[in-house]
Amino acid sequence: MIGVQDLEIYFSMLAVILMFYMRAHKATMSRYRAQVPLL
């Protein structure tokens, strides 16, 4: 049985990971666009 606190911890960790991923993804895409002007 999963407790509510476990769910909250899981979702908060997921949100943090998603936030870091989106930030890194944006940085990578902008760098890639700078290298490849055709995009």
Foldseek 3Di string as FASTA:
>chain_A
DDDPVNVVVVVVVVVVVVVVVVVVVVVVVVVVCVVPVVD
